[in-house]
Amino acid sequence: MPFMEVTYPQGALTDEARERLADELTTALLRAERAPDTEFFRSITWLYLHELPAGAVRAAGRPVDAPTFRLEATTPQGALSDRRRKEFVADATRAVREAAGIPEEDGLRIWVLCKEIPEGSWGAAGQIV
């Protein structure tokens, strides 16, 4: 069961862009994992959107002038090979850029962190999975 968390400053996304981004990130992660793009797999691919108040996202100790994004993707260990991780990072970055209207040359405003959780370190429904 993969999780994603996207953190960004208030106003960086319109409601429509946020909905489109959520769908595109889900699709990108399922594709990278080579999981079927079915309602079941979509239902267990969770995305948390954290819109922080203006001034809460900072660079060099000061509020950012232009929106920046941090996307953390957490997957089971081994779900993404190096090649698949690169594929996901590229697709996720593109999706965020397009949703927020960030030009390609400003790609450093988007960071994607891939975390793997070892087998036996996940818990759901009161059980280790």
C-alpha atoms as a PDB file:
ATOM      1  CA  MET A   1       0.000   0.000   0.000  1.00  0.00           C
ATOM      2  CA  PRO A   2       1.831   3.102  -1.155  1.00  0.00           C
ATOM      3  CA  PHE A   3       1.405   6.513   0.445  1.00  0.00           C
ATOM      4  CA  MET A   4       2.254   9.931  -0.894  1.00  0.00           C
ATOM      5  CA  GLU A   5       2.393  13.263   0.879  1.00  0.00           C
ATOM      6  CA  VAL A   6       2.612  16.554  -0.972  1.00  0.00           C
ATOM      7  CA  THR A   7       3.488  19.692   0.979  1.00  0.00           C
ATOM      8  CA  TYR A   8       3.212  23.128  -0.594  1.00  0.00           C
ATOM      9  CA  PRO A   9       2.351  26.732   0.318  1.00  0.00           C
ATOM     10  CA  GLN A  10      -1.185  28.060   0.354  1.00  0.00           C
ATOM     11  CA  GLY A  11      -2.446  29.217  -3.018  1.00  0.00           C
ATOM     12  CA  ALA A  12       0.056  27.185  -5.067  1.00  0.00           C
ATOM     13  CA  LEU A  13      -2.733  25.051  -6.577  1.00  0.00           C
ATOM     14  CA  THR A  14      -6.265  25.791  -7.683  1.00  0.00           C
ATOM     15  CA  ASP A  15      -8.969  23.335  -6.615  1.00  0.00           C
ATOM     16  CA  GLU A  16      -9.067  21.934 -10.148  1.00  0.00           C
ATOM     17  CA  ALA A  17      -5.273  21.612 -10.334  1.00  0.00           C
ATOM     18  CA  ARG A  18      -5.203  19.860  -6.940  1.00  0.00           C
ATOM     19  CA  GLU A  19      -7.767  17.275  -8.113  1.00  0.00           C
ATOM     20  CA  ARG A  20      -5.908  16.671 -11.380  1.00  0.00           C
ATOM     21  CA  LEU A  21      -2.583  16.378  -9.524  1.00  0.00           C
ATOM     22  CA  ALA A  22      -3.998  13.820  -7.080  1.00  0.00           C
ATOM     23  CA  ASP A  23      -5.182  11.648  -9.959  1.00  0.00           C
ATOM     24  CA  GLU A  24      -1.943  11.993 -11.945  1.00  0.00           C
ATOM     25  CA  LEU A  25       0.283  11.187  -8.948  1.00  0.00           C
ATOM     26  CA  THR A  26      -1.783   8.093  -8.170  1.00  0.00           C
ATOM     27  CA  THR A  27      -1.480   6.969 -11.781  1.00  0.00           C
ATOM     28  CA  ALA A  28       2.278   7.667 -11.832  1.00  0.00           C
ATOM     29  CA  LEU A  29       2.961   5.637  -8.688  1.00  0.00           C
ATOM     30  CA  LEU A  30       0.830   2.681  -9.793  1.00  0.00           C
ATOM     31  CA  ARG A  31       2.567   2.727 -13.182  1.00  0.00           C
ATOM     32  CA  ALA A  32       6.023   2.830 -11.569  1.00  0.00           C
ATOM     33  CA  GLU A  33       5.131  -0.067  -9.263  1.00  0.00           C
ATOM     34  CA  ARG A  34       3.697  -1.968 -12.254  1.00  0.00           C
ATOM     35  CA  ALA A  35       0.490  -2.396 -10.253  1.00  0.00           C
ATOM     36  CA  PRO A  36      -2.801  -2.717 -12.109  1.00  0.00           C
ATOM     37  CA  ASP A  37      -4.616   0.609 -12.482  1.00  0.00           C
ATOM     38  CA  THR A  38      -7.855  -0.720 -11.004  1.00  0.00           C
ATOM     39  CA  GLU A  39     -10.300   0.736  -8.513  1.00  0.00           C
ATOM     40  CA  PHE A  40      -8.932  -1.605  -5.823  1.00  0.00           C
ATOM     41  CA  PHE A  41      -5.294  -0.544  -6.262  1.00  0.00           C
ATOM     42  CA  ARG A  42      -6.319   3.120  -6.488  1.00  0.00           C
ATOM     43  CA  SER A  43      -8.272   2.717  -3.227  1.00  0.00           C
ATOM     44  CA  ILE A  44      -5.139   1.595  -1.362  1.00  0.00           C
ATOM     45  CA  THR A  45      -2.888   4.282  -2.867  1.00  0.00           C
ATOM     46  CA  TRP A  46      -3.329   7.137  -0.425  1.00  0.00           C
ATOM     47  CA  LEU A  47      -2.345  10.745  -0.988  1.00  0.00           C
ATOM     48  CA  TYR A  48      -2.158  13.396   1.726  1.00  0.00           C
ATOM     49  CA  LEU A  49      -2.093  17.007   0.598  1.00  0.00           C
ATOM     50  CA  HIS A  50      -0.588  19.450   3.081  1.00  0.00           C
ATOM     51  CA  GLU A  51      -1.257  23.048   2.129  1.00  0.00           C
ATOM     52  CA  LEU A  52       0.723  25.181   4.559  1.00  0.00           C
ATOM     53  CA  PRO A  53      -0.178  28.763   5.472  1.00  0.00           C
ATOM     54  CA  ALA A  54       1.550  31.589   3.619  1.00  0.00           C
ATOM     55  CA  GLY A  55       5.040  32.105   5.053  1.00  0.00           C
ATOM     56  CA  ALA A  56       5.298  28.549   6.421  1.00  0.00           C
ATOM     57  CA  VAL A  57       7.443  27.299   3.531  1.00  0.00           C
ATOM     58  CA  ARG A  58      10.881  28.883   3.663  1.00  0.00           C
ATOM     59  CA  ALA A  59      14.191  28.885   1.833  1.00  0.00           C
ATOM     60  CA  ALA A  60      17.289  30.539   3.284  1.00  0.00           C
ATOM     61  CA  GLY A  61      15.188  31.266   6.369  1.00  0.00           C
ATOM     62  CA  ARG A  62      12.720  33.446   4.459  1.00  0.00           C
ATOM     63  CA  PRO A  63       9.282  32.765   2.981  1.00  0.00           C
ATOM     64  CA  VAL A  64       9.590  31.425  -0.551  1.00  0.00           C
ATOM     65  CA  ASP A  65       8.839  33.868  -3.357  1.00  0.00           C
ATOM     66  CA  ALA A  66       7.548  31.156  -5.669  1.00  0.00           C
ATOM     67  CA  PRO A  67       5.739  27.957  -4.695  1.00  0.00           C
ATOM     68  CA  THR A  68       7.901  24.979  -3.798  1.00  0.00           C
ATOM     69  CA  PHE A  69       6.733  21.395  -3.401  1.00  0.00           C
ATOM     70  CA  ARG A  70       7.914  18.389  -1.421  1.00  0.00           C
ATOM     71  CA  LEU A  71       6.492  15.029  -2.476  1.00  0.00           C
ATOM     72  CA  GLU A  72       7.245  12.015  -0.301  1.00  0.00           C
ATOM     73  CA  ALA A  73       6.356   8.604  -1.723  1.00  0.00           C
ATOM     74  CA  THR A  74       6.465   5.641   0.654  1.00  0.00           C
ATOM     75  CA  THR A  75       6.385   2.158  -0.847  1.00  0.00           C
ATOM     76  CA  PRO A  76       7.150  -1.394   0.264  1.00  0.00           C
ATOM     77  CA  GLN A  77      10.844  -2.197   0.025  1.00  0.00           C
ATOM     78  CA  GLY A  78      11.711  -3.436  -3.462  1.00  0.00           C
ATOM     79  CA  ALA A  79       8.511  -2.124  -5.081  1.00  0.00           C
ATOM     80  CA  LEU A  80      10.519   0.372  -7.138  1.00  0.00           C
ATOM     81  CA  SER A  81      13.758  -0.569  -8.861  1.00  0.00           C
ATOM     82  CA  ASP A  82      16.234   2.224  -9.592  1.00  0.00           C
ATOM     83  CA  ARG A  83      14.767   2.510 -13.094  1.00  0.00           C
ATOM     84  CA  ARG A  84      11.193   2.615 -11.816  1.00  0.00           C
ATOM     85  CA  ARG A  85      12.103   5.160  -9.130  1.00  0.00           C
ATOM     86  CA  LYS A  86      13.624   7.426 -11.818  1.00  0.00           C
ATOM     87  CA  GLU A  87      10.483   6.982 -13.906  1.00  0.00           C
ATOM     88  CA  PHE A  88       8.264   7.926 -10.955  1.00  0.00           C
ATOM     89  CA  VAL A  89      10.363  10.974 -10.033  1.00  0.00           C
ATOM     90  CA  ALA A  90      10.222  12.236 -13.641  1.00  0.00           C
ATOM     91  CA  ASP A  91       6.458  11.651 -13.969  1.00  0.00           C
ATOM     92  CA  ALA A  92       5.657  13.111 -10.540  1.00  0.00           C
ATOM     93  CA  THR A  93       7.807  16.184 -11.151  1.00  0.00           C
ATOM     94  CA  ARG A  94       6.108  16.775 -14.489  1.00  0.00           C
ATOM     95  CA  ALA A  95       2.664  16.418 -12.891  1.00  0.00           C
ATOM     96  CA  VAL A  96       3.479  18.921 -10.139  1.00  0.00           C
ATOM     97  CA  ARG A  97       5.061  21.361 -12.605  1.00  0.00           C
ATOM     98  CA  GLU A  98       2.013  21.281 -14.841  1.00  0.00           C
ATOM     99  CA  ALA A  99      -0.481  21.541 -11.958  1.00  0.00           C
ATOM    100  CA  ALA A 100       1.311  24.520 -10.409  1.00  0.00           C
ATOM    101  CA  GLY A 101       2.395  26.189 -13.650  1.00  0.00           C
ATOM    102  CA  ILE A 102       6.087  25.847 -12.822  1.00  0.00           C
ATOM    103  CA  PRO A 103       8.370  26.175 -15.857  1.00  0.00           C
ATOM    104  CA  GLU A 104      10.702  23.251 -16.565  1.00  0.00           C
ATOM    105  CA  GLU A 105      13.758  25.399 -15.837  1.00  0.00           C
ATOM    106  CA  ASP A 106      12.462  25.906 -12.268  1.00  0.00           C
ATOM    107  CA  GLY A 107      12.347  22.173 -11.571  1.00  0.00           C
ATOM    108  CA  LEU A 108      14.471  22.582  -8.424  1.00  0.00           C
ATOM    109  CA  ARG A 109      11.342  23.966  -6.746  1.00  0.00           C
ATOM    110  CA  ILE A 110      10.022  20.383  -6.700  1.00  0.00           C
ATOM    111  CA  TRP A 111      11.652  17.674  -4.605  1.00  0.00           C
ATOM    112  CA  VAL A 112      10.549  14.039  -4.683  1.00  0.00           C
ATOM    113  CA  LEU A 113      11.642  11.803  -1.813  1.00  0.00           C
ATOM    114  CA  CYS A 114      11.249   8.046  -2.216  1.00  0.00           C
ATOM    115  CA  LYS A 115      11.125   6.025   0.997  1.00  0.00           C
ATOM    116  CA  GLU A 116      10.935   2.253   1.283  1.00  0.00           C
ATOM    117  CA  ILE A 117       9.508   0.394   4.251  1.00  0.00           C
ATOM    118  CA  PRO A 118      10.938  -3.093   4.925  1.00  0.00           C
ATOM    119  CA  GLU A 119       8.611  -6.090   4.913  1.00  0.00           C
ATOM    120  CA  GLY A 120       7.116  -6.590   8.345  1.00  0.00           C
ATOM    121  CA  SER A 121       7.326  -2.887   9.158  1.00  0.00           C
ATOM    122  CA  TRP A 122       3.835  -2.022   7.864  1.00  0.00           C
ATOM    123  CA  GLY A 123       0.732  -2.377   9.943  1.00  0.00           C
ATOM    124  CA  ALA A 124      -2.895  -2.206   8.823  1.00  0.00           C
ATOM    125  CA  ALA A 125      -6.153  -3.335  10.417  1.00  0.00           C
ATOM    126  CA  GLY A 126      -4.226  -4.232  13.571  1.00  0.00           C
ATOM    127  CA  GLN A 127      -1.867  -6.631  11.788  1.00  0.00           C
ATOM    128  CA  ILE A 128       1.638  -6.548  10.349  1.00  0.00           C
ATOM    129  CA  VAL A 129       1.451  -6.701   6.577  1.00  0.00           C
END
